[in-house]
N, C-alpha and C. Protein backbone atom coordinates (compact mmCIF):
# COMPACT_ATOMS: atom_id res chain seq x y z
N MET A 1 70.71 146.57 165.09
CA MET A 1 71.99 145.93 165.33
C MET A 1 73.03 146.99 165.67
N LYS A 2 73.82 146.70 166.67
CA LYS A 2 74.86 147.63 167.09
C LYS A 2 76.02 147.61 166.10
N THR A 3 76.48 148.82 165.75
CA THR A 3 77.65 148.87 164.89
C THR A 3 78.90 148.82 165.76
N VAL A 4 79.91 148.19 165.24
CA VAL A 4 81.17 148.05 165.97
C VAL A 4 82.00 149.31 165.75
N TYR A 5 82.45 149.90 166.84
CA TYR A 5 83.26 151.11 166.75
C TYR A 5 84.66 150.76 166.27
N LYS A 6 85.16 151.52 165.30
CA LYS A 6 86.52 151.32 164.80
C LYS A 6 87.44 152.34 165.46
N TRP A 7 88.32 151.86 166.31
CA TRP A 7 89.27 152.72 167.02
C TRP A 7 90.28 153.28 166.04
N LYS A 8 90.66 154.56 166.23
CA LYS A 8 91.49 155.24 165.24
C LYS A 8 92.79 155.82 165.77
N SER A 9 92.81 156.26 167.01
CA SER A 9 93.92 157.07 167.50
C SER A 9 95.09 156.24 168.04
N GLY A 10 96.12 156.95 168.43
CA GLY A 10 97.30 156.32 169.02
C GLY A 10 97.04 155.72 170.38
N ILE A 11 95.95 156.14 171.03
CA ILE A 11 95.63 155.60 172.35
C ILE A 11 94.64 154.43 172.28
N ALA A 12 94.28 154.03 171.06
CA ALA A 12 93.26 153.00 170.86
C ALA A 12 93.59 151.69 171.60
N GLU A 13 94.80 151.23 171.45
CA GLU A 13 95.19 149.96 172.06
C GLU A 13 95.10 150.02 173.58
N ALA A 14 95.59 151.11 174.15
CA ALA A 14 95.55 151.28 175.61
C ALA A 14 94.10 151.37 176.10
N ALA A 15 93.27 152.09 175.37
CA ALA A 15 91.87 152.24 175.76
C ALA A 15 91.14 150.89 175.70
N GLN A 16 91.38 150.13 174.66
CA GLN A 16 90.74 148.82 174.53
C GLN A 16 91.21 147.87 175.62
N SER A 17 92.47 147.91 175.95
CA SER A 17 93.00 147.06 177.03
C SER A 17 92.37 147.44 178.37
N TYR A 18 92.22 148.73 178.59
CA TYR A 18 91.62 149.23 179.83
C TYR A 18 90.16 148.78 179.94
N ILE A 19 89.42 148.91 178.86
CA ILE A 19 88.02 148.48 178.84
C ILE A 19 87.92 146.99 179.11
N SER A 20 88.76 146.22 178.46
CA SER A 20 88.77 144.77 178.65
C SER A 20 89.07 144.40 180.10
N LEU A 21 90.05 145.07 180.69
CA LEU A 21 90.41 144.82 182.08
C LEU A 21 89.24 145.10 183.01
N LYS A 22 88.57 146.21 182.81
CA LYS A 22 87.43 146.58 183.65
C LYS A 22 86.29 145.57 183.51
N ARG A 23 86.05 145.10 182.30
CA ARG A 23 84.99 144.11 182.08
C ARG A 23 85.34 142.77 182.71
N GLN A 24 86.60 142.42 182.73
CA GLN A 24 87.03 141.17 183.35
C GLN A 24 86.79 141.19 184.85
N THR A 25 86.75 142.38 185.43
CA THR A 25 86.50 142.49 186.87
C THR A 25 85.00 142.49 187.17
N GLY A 26 84.17 142.40 186.13
CA GLY A 26 82.73 142.32 186.32
C GLY A 26 81.98 143.62 186.10
N MET A 27 82.67 144.66 185.74
CA MET A 27 82.00 145.94 185.49
C MET A 27 81.38 145.94 184.09
N LYS A 28 80.24 146.60 183.95
CA LYS A 28 79.63 146.75 182.62
C LYS A 28 80.43 147.73 181.79
N PHE A 29 80.81 148.85 182.37
CA PHE A 29 81.71 149.83 181.77
C PHE A 29 81.21 150.38 180.45
N GLU A 30 79.89 150.55 180.30
CA GLU A 30 79.31 151.01 179.05
C GLU A 30 79.43 152.52 178.86
N ILE A 31 79.06 153.29 179.87
CA ILE A 31 79.14 154.75 179.76
C ILE A 31 80.60 155.19 179.63
N GLN A 32 81.45 154.58 180.43
CA GLN A 32 82.88 154.93 180.39
C GLN A 32 83.47 154.60 179.02
N GLU A 33 83.05 153.48 178.44
CA GLU A 33 83.54 153.11 177.11
C GLU A 33 83.08 154.14 176.08
N ARG A 34 81.86 154.63 176.22
CA ARG A 34 81.35 155.63 175.30
C ARG A 34 82.22 156.90 175.35
N TYR A 35 82.58 157.32 176.57
CA TYR A 35 83.45 158.49 176.70
C TYR A 35 84.83 158.23 176.10
N LEU A 36 85.35 157.03 176.27
CA LEU A 36 86.66 156.70 175.67
C LEU A 36 86.57 156.69 174.15
N ARG A 37 85.45 156.22 173.60
CA ARG A 37 85.28 156.27 172.14
C ARG A 37 85.21 157.71 171.65
N HIS A 38 84.49 158.57 172.39
CA HIS A 38 84.43 159.99 172.03
C HIS A 38 85.83 160.61 172.08
N PHE A 39 86.58 160.27 173.12
CA PHE A 39 87.93 160.80 173.25
C PHE A 39 88.82 160.31 172.12
N ASP A 40 88.68 159.05 171.75
CA ASP A 40 89.45 158.49 170.65
C ASP A 40 89.18 159.27 169.36
N THR A 41 87.91 159.52 169.08
CA THR A 41 87.53 160.28 167.89
C THR A 41 88.08 161.70 167.95
N PHE A 42 87.94 162.34 169.11
CA PHE A 42 88.46 163.70 169.30
C PHE A 42 89.97 163.73 169.08
N TYR A 43 90.67 162.81 169.69
CA TYR A 43 92.13 162.72 169.62
C TYR A 43 92.59 162.59 168.17
N TYR A 44 91.94 161.67 167.46
CA TYR A 44 92.29 161.40 166.06
C TYR A 44 91.91 162.58 165.16
N SER A 45 90.71 163.10 165.33
CA SER A 45 90.20 164.17 164.46
C SER A 45 90.98 165.47 164.59
N ASN A 46 91.59 165.69 165.74
CA ASN A 46 92.34 166.91 165.96
C ASN A 46 93.83 166.76 165.69
N GLY A 47 94.20 165.64 165.09
CA GLY A 47 95.57 165.46 164.62
C GLY A 47 96.59 165.11 165.69
N PHE A 48 96.12 164.74 166.88
CA PHE A 48 97.07 164.32 167.91
C PHE A 48 97.61 162.95 167.57
N GLU A 49 98.87 162.72 167.88
CA GLU A 49 99.52 161.45 167.55
C GLU A 49 100.19 160.88 168.78
N GLY A 50 100.50 159.60 168.71
CA GLY A 50 101.21 158.95 169.80
C GLY A 50 100.29 158.60 170.97
N THR A 51 100.92 158.30 172.09
CA THR A 51 100.17 157.86 173.26
C THR A 51 100.31 158.80 174.44
N THR A 52 100.90 159.95 174.23
CA THR A 52 101.10 160.89 175.31
C THR A 52 99.91 161.85 175.43
N LEU A 53 99.35 161.91 176.63
CA LEU A 53 98.26 162.85 176.88
C LEU A 53 98.83 164.08 177.57
N THR A 54 98.46 165.23 177.05
CA THR A 54 98.89 166.48 177.67
C THR A 54 97.69 167.15 178.33
N LYS A 55 97.98 168.10 179.17
CA LYS A 55 96.93 168.86 179.83
C LYS A 55 96.07 169.57 178.78
N GLU A 56 96.71 170.08 177.74
CA GLU A 56 95.99 170.79 176.68
C GLU A 56 94.97 169.88 176.00
N ILE A 57 95.37 168.67 175.65
CA ILE A 57 94.48 167.73 174.98
C ILE A 57 93.27 167.42 175.86
N VAL A 58 93.54 167.11 177.11
CA VAL A 58 92.46 166.74 178.03
C VAL A 58 91.53 167.92 178.26
N ASN A 59 92.07 169.11 178.48
CA ASN A 59 91.23 170.29 178.69
C ASN A 59 90.39 170.61 177.46
N ASP A 60 90.96 170.47 176.27
CA ASP A 60 90.19 170.70 175.04
C ASP A 60 89.03 169.71 174.94
N PHE A 61 89.28 168.47 175.27
CA PHE A 61 88.23 167.45 175.21
C PHE A 61 87.13 167.76 176.23
N ILE A 62 87.51 168.10 177.43
CA ILE A 62 86.53 168.43 178.48
C ILE A 62 85.66 169.60 178.02
N TYR A 63 86.28 170.59 177.40
CA TYR A 63 85.53 171.75 176.90
C TYR A 63 84.51 171.30 175.85
N VAL A 64 84.92 170.45 174.93
CA VAL A 64 84.03 169.98 173.87
C VAL A 64 82.86 169.20 174.47
N ILE A 65 83.13 168.35 175.44
CA ILE A 65 82.08 167.54 176.07
C ILE A 65 81.09 168.44 176.79
N ARG A 66 81.57 169.44 177.49
CA ARG A 66 80.68 170.33 178.25
C ARG A 66 79.83 171.19 177.34
N VAL A 67 80.35 171.58 176.19
CA VAL A 67 79.61 172.44 175.27
C VAL A 67 78.44 171.68 174.64
N LYS A 68 78.63 170.41 174.38
CA LYS A 68 77.56 169.59 173.77
C LYS A 68 76.46 169.47 174.71
């Protein structure tokens, strides 16, 4: 059984709305949703707050993804 992901960060609402919008257009959007969940966890775990994305945050996330 699939576990339901619990969104944590300040961007959670925007990410969920974006996923919903993409699915309404007929896209499966599974891989992209997985990356958004990873980003949500990264954003929250590193103490970022609010809904503003900076170049630093995005670059740090890209670095983490590439290292894995």
